Amino acid sequence: MSAEQRKHVRLTLDIPAFRYTEIGEKVEMMVYQISIGGCLIEWDENIKIDDEFRLEIQLPNKNWLPLHCDVLYLI
């Protein structure tokens, strides 16, 4: 998706995150871009379009922010 098609401005960053699989396994990954409407994360061959999962990112104050994610597309 091009920048012109986005509804929200994306911030480019590299922050560690954890994705939780449907069986509760914790998988470490990176978040490369984030906005109010979505994010770009490190791709994992186990992620498919329409998958849903929980993602936690660490905030600057060291607290963890839990997010519910839906995979809309893969690049």
Protein backbone atom coordinates (compact mmCIF):
# COMPACT_ATOMS: atom_id res chain seq x y z
CA MET A 1 0.00 0.00 0.00
CA SER A 2 1.45 3.37 -0.94
CA ALA A 3 1.75 6.29 1.47
CA GLU A 4 -0.92 8.17 -0.53
CA GLN A 5 -3.46 5.38 0.09
CA ARG A 6 -2.99 5.34 3.88
CA LYS A 7 -5.49 7.01 6.18
CA HIS A 8 -2.92 7.46 8.98
CA VAL A 9 0.71 8.55 9.02
CA ARG A 10 3.12 5.70 9.76
CA LEU A 11 6.17 6.09 11.95
CA THR A 12 9.29 4.17 11.01
CA LEU A 13 11.02 2.49 13.95
CA ASP A 14 12.61 -0.76 15.06
CA ILE A 15 11.13 -2.00 18.32
CA PRO A 16 10.99 -5.51 19.73
CA ALA A 17 7.63 -7.18 20.05
CA PHE A 18 6.11 -10.55 20.88
CA ARG A 19 3.45 -12.34 18.85
CA TYR A 20 1.37 -15.00 20.58
CA THR A 21 0.35 -18.01 18.51
CA GLU A 22 -3.05 -19.67 18.81
CA ILE A 23 -1.50 -22.25 21.18
CA GLY A 24 -0.01 -19.49 23.38
CA GLU A 25 3.57 -19.74 22.13
CA LYS A 26 5.47 -16.44 22.46
CA VAL A 27 7.40 -15.53 19.28
CA GLU A 28 9.87 -12.63 19.30
CA MET A 29 9.74 -10.27 16.30
CA MET A 30 10.31 -6.65 15.29
CA VAL A 31 7.86 -3.84 14.48
CA TYR A 32 9.24 -1.67 11.67
CA GLN A 33 6.37 0.78 11.12
CA ILE A 34 3.32 1.67 13.18
CA SER A 35 0.29 3.95 12.95
CA ILE A 36 -3.16 4.21 14.50
CA GLY A 37 -4.50 2.03 11.68
CA GLY A 38 -1.85 -0.68 11.43
CA CYS A 39 1.75 -1.75 11.55
CA LEU A 40 4.45 -3.48 9.57
CA ILE A 41 6.01 -6.36 11.46
CA GLU A 42 8.72 -8.86 10.76
CA TRP A 43 7.14 -11.54 8.62
CA ASP A 44 7.08 -15.13 9.80
CA GLU A 45 6.24 -18.06 7.48
CA ASN A 46 3.55 -19.14 9.95
CA ILE A 47 1.55 -15.92 9.43
CA LYS A 48 -1.18 -16.06 6.75
CA ILE A 49 -3.70 -13.53 5.42
CA ASP A 50 -6.81 -13.38 7.66
CA ASP A 51 -4.89 -14.72 10.70
CA GLU A 52 -5.62 -13.02 14.02
CA PHE A 53 -3.12 -12.84 16.84
CA ARG A 54 -2.07 -10.89 19.91
CA LEU A 55 1.00 -8.67 19.62
CA GLU A 56 2.72 -6.93 22.53
CA ILE A 57 5.12 -4.03 22.02
CA GLN A 58 7.27 -2.48 24.71
CA LEU A 59 6.67 1.19 25.43
CA PRO A 60 9.47 3.62 26.37
CA ASN A 61 8.42 3.36 30.04
CA LYS A 62 9.07 -0.45 29.82
CA ASN A 63 5.37 -1.34 30.06
CA TRP A 64 3.94 -3.68 27.41
CA LEU A 65 1.08 -2.62 25.12
CA PRO A 66 -1.15 -5.56 24.07
CA LEU A 67 -2.68 -5.28 20.59
CA HIS A 68 -5.17 -7.45 18.69
CA CYS A 69 -3.97 -7.89 15.10
CA ASP A 70 -5.59 -9.05 11.85
CA VAL A 71 -3.32 -9.89 8.92
CA LEU A 72 -4.61 -7.92 5.93
CA TYR A 73 -1.77 -8.50 3.48
CA LEU A 74 1.81 -9.76 3.26
CA ILE A 75 4.67 -8.04 1.47
